[in-house]
PDB file of N, CA and C in Angstrom:
ATOM      1  N   MET A   1      21.067  12.176  16.564  1.00  0.00           N
ATOM      2  CA  MET A   1      22.242  12.109  17.230  1.00  0.00           C
ATOM      3  C   MET A   1      23.358  12.194  16.146  1.00  0.00           C
ATOM      4  N   ALA A   2      23.779  11.767  14.989  1.00  0.00           N
ATOM      5  CA  ALA A   2      24.273  11.855  14.389  1.00  0.00           C
ATOM      6  C   ALA A   2      24.234  12.894  13.671  1.00  0.00           C
ATOM      7  N   LYS A   3      23.981  13.665  13.484  1.00  0.00           N
ATOM      8  CA  LYS A   3      23.087  15.363  12.533  1.00  0.00           C
ATOM      9  C   LYS A   3      23.995  15.979  13.768  1.00  0.00           C
ATOM     10  N   LYS A   4      23.502  16.155  14.841  1.00  0.00           N
ATOM     11  CA  LYS A   4      24.408  17.014  15.602  1.00  0.00           C
ATOM     12  C   LYS A   4      26.258  16.536  15.504  1.00  0.00           C
ATOM     13  N   VAL A   5      26.880  15.356  15.187  1.00  0.00           N
ATOM     14  CA  VAL A   5      27.859  15.126  15.732  1.00  0.00           C
ATOM     15  C   VAL A   5      28.685  15.828  13.734  1.00  0.00           C
ATOM     16  N   VAL A   6      27.556  15.703  12.735  1.00  0.00           N
ATOM     17  CA  VAL A   6      27.888  16.425  11.404  1.00  0.00           C
ATOM     18  C   VAL A   6      28.193  17.687  11.552  1.00  0.00           C
ATOM     19  N   ALA A   7      27.474  18.400  12.139  1.00  0.00           N
ATOM     20  CA  ALA A   7      27.453  19.824  12.273  1.00  0.00           C
ATOM     21  C   ALA A   7      28.012  20.270  13.120  1.00  0.00           C
ATOM     22  N   THR A   8      28.573  19.686  13.814  1.00  0.00           N
ATOM     23  CA  THR A   8      29.375  20.167  15.281  1.00  0.00           C
ATOM     24  C   THR A   8      31.305  20.403  14.272  1.00  0.00           C
ATOM     25  N   LEU A   9      31.352  18.721  14.100  1.00  0.00           N
ATOM     26  CA  LEU A   9      32.198  18.890  12.912  1.00  0.00           C
ATOM     27  C   LEU A   9      32.822  19.798  11.834  1.00  0.00           C
ATOM     28  N   GLN A  10      31.781  20.046  11.200  1.00  0.00           N
ATOM     29  CA  GLN A  10      31.871  21.435   9.720  1.00  0.00           C
ATOM     30  C   GLN A  10      31.262  22.702  10.451  1.00  0.00           C
ATOM     31  N   LYS A  11      31.110  22.921  11.632  1.00  0.00           N
ATOM     32  CA  LYS A  11      31.108  24.615  12.181  1.00  0.00           C
ATOM     33  C   LYS A  11      32.494  24.356  12.512  1.00  0.00           C
ATOM     34  N   LYS A  12      33.370  23.662  12.681  1.00  0.00           N
ATOM     35  CA  LYS A  12      34.696  23.912  13.512  1.00  0.00           C
ATOM     36  C   LYS A  12      36.037  23.941  12.272  1.00  0.00           C
ATOM     37  N   GLY A  13      35.273  23.560  10.998  1.00  0.00           N
ATOM     38  CA  GLY A  13      36.638  23.616   9.771  1.00  0.00           C
ATOM     39  C   GLY A  13      37.159  22.384   9.951  1.00  0.00           C
ATOM     40  N   ALA A  14      36.539  21.477   9.952  1.00  0.00           N
ATOM     41  CA  ALA A  14      37.128  20.034  10.040  1.00  0.00           C
ATOM     42  C   ALA A  14      36.008  19.261   8.800  1.00  0.00           C
ATOM     43  N   LYS A  15      36.202  19.461   7.874  1.00  0.00           N
ATOM     44  CA  LYS A  15      35.790  19.379   6.897  1.00  0.00           C
ATOM     45  C   LYS A  15      36.285  17.844   5.859  1.00  0.00           C
ATOM     46  N   GLY A  16      37.524  17.567   6.552  1.00  0.00           N
ATOM     47  CA  GLY A  16      38.313  16.267   5.734  1.00  0.00           C
ATOM     48  C   GLY A  16      38.316  15.563   7.060  1.00  0.00           C
ATOM     49  N   VAL A  17      37.270  15.700   8.255  1.00  0.00           N
ATOM     50  CA  VAL A  17      36.977  14.440   9.138  1.00  0.00           C
ATOM     51  C   VAL A  17      36.285  13.654   8.818  1.00  0.00           C
ATOM     52  N   THR A  18      36.081  12.336   8.926  1.00  0.00           N
ATOM     53  CA  THR A  18      35.064  11.428   8.728  1.00  0.00           C
ATOM     54  C   THR A  18      35.424  10.767  10.067  1.00  0.00           C
ATOM     55  N   LYS A  19      34.115  10.366  10.775  1.00  0.00           N
ATOM     56  CA  LYS A  19      33.839   9.688  11.695  1.00  0.00           C
ATOM     57  C   LYS A  19      33.624   8.097  11.788  1.00  0.00           C
ATOM     58  N   VAL A  20      34.432   7.275  12.048  1.00  0.00           N
ATOM     59  CA  VAL A  20      34.326   5.513  11.273  1.00  0.00           C
ATOM     60  C   VAL A  20      34.247   5.265  12.419  1.00  0.00           C
ATOM     61  N   ILE A  21      32.709   4.083  12.454  1.00  0.00           N
ATOM     62  CA  ILE A  21      32.106   3.519  13.316  1.00  0.00           C
ATOM     63  C   ILE A  21      32.119   2.123  12.848  1.00  0.00           C
ATOM     64  N   LYS A  22      32.532   1.119  13.439  1.00  0.00           N
ATOM     65  CA  LYS A  22      32.981  -0.584  12.847  1.00  0.00           C
ATOM     66  C   LYS A  22      31.749  -1.504  14.244  1.00  0.00           C
ATOM     67  N   MET A  23      30.762  -1.960  13.475  1.00  0.00           N
ATOM     68  CA  MET A  23      30.847  -2.625  14.668  1.00  0.00           C
ATOM     69  C   MET A  23      31.148  -4.117  14.299  1.00  0.00           C
ATOM     70  N   VAL A  24      31.750  -4.846  15.923  1.00  0.00           N
ATOM     71  CA  VAL A  24      32.488  -5.840  16.629  1.00  0.00           C
ATOM     72  C   VAL A  24      31.811  -6.801  17.385  1.00  0.00           C
ATOM     73  N   LYS A  25      31.867  -7.892  17.096  1.00  0.00           N
ATOM     74  CA  LYS A  25      31.141  -9.081  18.082  1.00  0.00           C
ATOM     75  C   LYS A  25      32.415  -9.457  18.853  1.00  0.00           C
ATOM     76  N   SER A  26      32.036  -9.472  19.960  1.00  0.00           N
ATOM     77  CA  SER A  26      32.695  -9.575  20.977  1.00  0.00           C
ATOM     78  C   SER A  26      33.285 -10.871  21.636  1.00  0.00           C
ATOM     79  N   PRO A  27      34.367 -11.335  21.576  1.00  0.00           N
ATOM     80  CA  PRO A  27      34.572 -13.007  22.112  1.00  0.00           C
ATOM     81  C   PRO A  27      34.107 -13.246  23.446  1.00  0.00           C
ATOM     82  N   LYS A  28      33.790 -12.893  24.316  1.00  0.00           N
ATOM     83  CA  LYS A  28      33.347 -13.225  25.522  1.00  0.00           C
ATOM     84  C   LYS A  28      32.132 -13.039  25.600  1.00  0.00           C
ATOM     85  N   THR A  29      31.389 -12.334  25.835  1.00  0.00           N
ATOM     86  CA  THR A  29      29.647 -12.070  25.509  1.00  0.00           C
ATOM     87  C   THR A  29      28.790 -12.405  24.610  1.00  0.00           C
ATOM     88  N   GLY A  30      29.544 -12.209  23.459  1.00  0.00           N
ATOM     89  CA  GLY A  30      28.648 -12.501  21.540  1.00  0.00           C
ATOM     90  C   GLY A  30      28.213 -11.404  21.700  1.00  0.00           C
ATOM     91  N   ALA A  31      27.919 -10.825  22.394  1.00  0.00           N
ATOM     92  CA  ALA A  31      27.124  -9.017  22.410  1.00  0.00           C
ATOM     93  C   ALA A  31      28.334  -8.114  21.326  1.00  0.00           C
ATOM     94  N   TYR A  32      27.434  -7.253  20.125  1.00  0.00           N
ATOM     95  CA  TYR A  32      28.236  -6.239  19.454  1.00  0.00           C
ATOM     96  C   TYR A  32      28.366  -5.008  20.227  1.00  0.00           C
ATOM     97  N   ILE A  33      29.911  -4.798  20.024  1.00  0.00           N
ATOM     98  CA  ILE A  33      30.082  -3.768  20.788  1.00  0.00           C
ATOM     99  C   ILE A  33      30.322  -2.423  19.787  1.00  0.00           C
ATOM    100  N   PHE A  34      31.012  -1.325  19.527  1.00  0.00           N
ATOM    101  CA  PHE A  34      31.734  -0.353  18.828  1.00  0.00           C
ATOM    102  C   PHE A  34      32.397   0.289  19.043  1.00  0.00           C
ATOM    103  N   LYS A  35      33.224   0.056  17.433  1.00  0.00           N
ATOM    104  CA  LYS A  35      34.319   0.737  17.591  1.00  0.00           C
ATOM    105  C   LYS A  35      34.522   2.123  16.846  1.00  0.00           C
ATOM    106  N   GLU A  36      35.223   3.785  17.484  1.00  0.00           N
ATOM    107  CA  GLU A  36      35.000   4.793  16.724  1.00  0.00           C
ATOM    108  C   GLU A  36      36.305   5.523  17.098  1.00  0.00           C
ATOM    109  N   LYS A  37      36.022   5.872  15.813  1.00  0.00           N
ATOM    110  CA  LYS A  37      37.613   6.755  15.943  1.00  0.00           C
ATOM    111  C   LYS A  37      37.396   7.940  14.426  1.00  0.00           C
ATOM    112  N   LEU A  38      37.619   9.046  14.640  1.00  0.00           N
ATOM    113  CA  LEU A  38      37.827  10.460  14.130  1.00  0.00           C
ATOM    114  C   LEU A  38      39.687  10.120  13.110  1.00  0.00           C
ATOM    115  N   VAL A  39      39.061   9.750  12.046  1.00  0.00           N
ATOM    116  CA  VAL A  39      40.050  10.045  10.944  1.00  0.00           C
ATOM    117  C   VAL A  39      40.069  10.593   9.712  1.00  0.00           C
ATOM    118  N   SER A  40      41.189  11.548   8.811  1.00  0.00           N
ATOM    119  CA  SER A  40      40.938  12.035   7.496  1.00  0.00           C
ATOM    120  C   SER A  40      40.349  11.422   6.670  1.00  0.00           C
ATOM    121  N   THR A  41      39.602  12.339   5.953  1.00  0.00           N
ATOM    122  CA  THR A  41      38.693  11.097   4.663  1.00  0.00           C
ATOM    123  C   THR A  41      39.543  10.624   3.866  1.00  0.00           C
ATOM    124  N   GLU A  42      40.543  10.516   3.379  1.00  0.00           N
ATOM    125  CA  GLU A  42      41.270  10.138   2.825  1.00  0.00           C
ATOM    126  C   GLU A  42      42.185   8.251   3.434  1.00  0.00           C
ATOM    127  N   LYS A  43      41.858   8.471   4.522  1.00  0.00           N
ATOM    128  CA  LYS A  43      42.574   6.787   5.284  1.00  0.00           C
ATOM    129  C   LYS A  43      41.370   6.674   6.092  1.00  0.00           C
ATOM    130  N   ALA A  44      39.926   6.831   5.829  1.00  0.00           N
ATOM    131  CA  ALA A  44      38.791   6.189   6.062  1.00  0.00           C
ATOM    132  C   ALA A  44      38.588   4.716   5.740  1.00  0.00           C
ATOM    133  N   LYS A  45      38.673   4.351   4.882  1.00  0.00           N
ATOM    134  CA  LYS A  45      38.618   2.892   4.134  1.00  0.00           C
ATOM    135  C   LYS A  45      40.136   1.946   4.564  1.00  0.00           C
ATOM    136  N   GLU A  46      41.266   2.654   5.049  1.00  0.00           N
ATOM    137  CA  GLU A  46      42.238   2.013   5.186  1.00  0.00           C
ATOM    138  C   GLU A  46      41.684   1.649   6.831  1.00  0.00           C
ATOM    139  N   GLU A  47      41.559   2.343   7.359  1.00  0.00           N
ATOM    140  CA  GLU A  47      41.177   2.551   9.049  1.00  0.00           C
ATOM    141  C   GLU A  47      40.196   1.614   9.255  1.00  0.00           C
ATOM    142  N   LEU A  48      39.322   1.601   8.254  1.00  0.00           N
ATOM    143  CA  LEU A  48      37.965   0.251   8.620  1.00  0.00           C
ATOM    144  C   LEU A  48      38.592  -0.556   9.126  1.00  0.00           C
ATOM    145  N   LYS A  49      39.940  -1.440   7.998  1.00  0.00           N
ATOM    146  CA  LYS A  49      40.264  -2.731   7.675  1.00  0.00           C
ATOM    147  C   LYS A  49      41.268  -2.666   8.807  1.00  0.00           C
ATOM    148  N   ASN A  50      41.922  -1.956   9.779  1.00  0.00           N
ATOM    149  CA  ASN A  50      42.745  -2.145  10.709  1.00  0.00           C
ATOM    150  C   ASN A  50      41.574  -1.630  12.273  1.00  0.00           C
ATOM    151  N   LEU A  51      40.449  -1.351  12.601  1.00  0.00           N
ATOM    152  CA  LEU A  51      39.755  -1.529  13.758  1.00  0.00           C
ATOM    153  C   LEU A  51      39.570  -2.893  13.658  1.00  0.00           C
ATOM    154  N   LYS A  52      39.918  -3.371  15.013  1.00  0.00           N
ATOM    155  CA  LYS A  52      39.422  -4.006  15.226  1.00  0.00           C
ATOM    156  C   LYS A  52      38.705  -4.680  16.736  1.00  0.00           C
TER     157      LYS A  52
END
């Protein structure tokens, strides 16, 4: 699945974009959920800190 996303982003000329995925534990159920977001490459580390 990841290969398809990367290939699709590169084909459209969006090489400066990174997909940030963070695993977060749900307070209600205790199960893990995934938060996904597309951000520019320069802001990727900053965005990981802000995703909750």
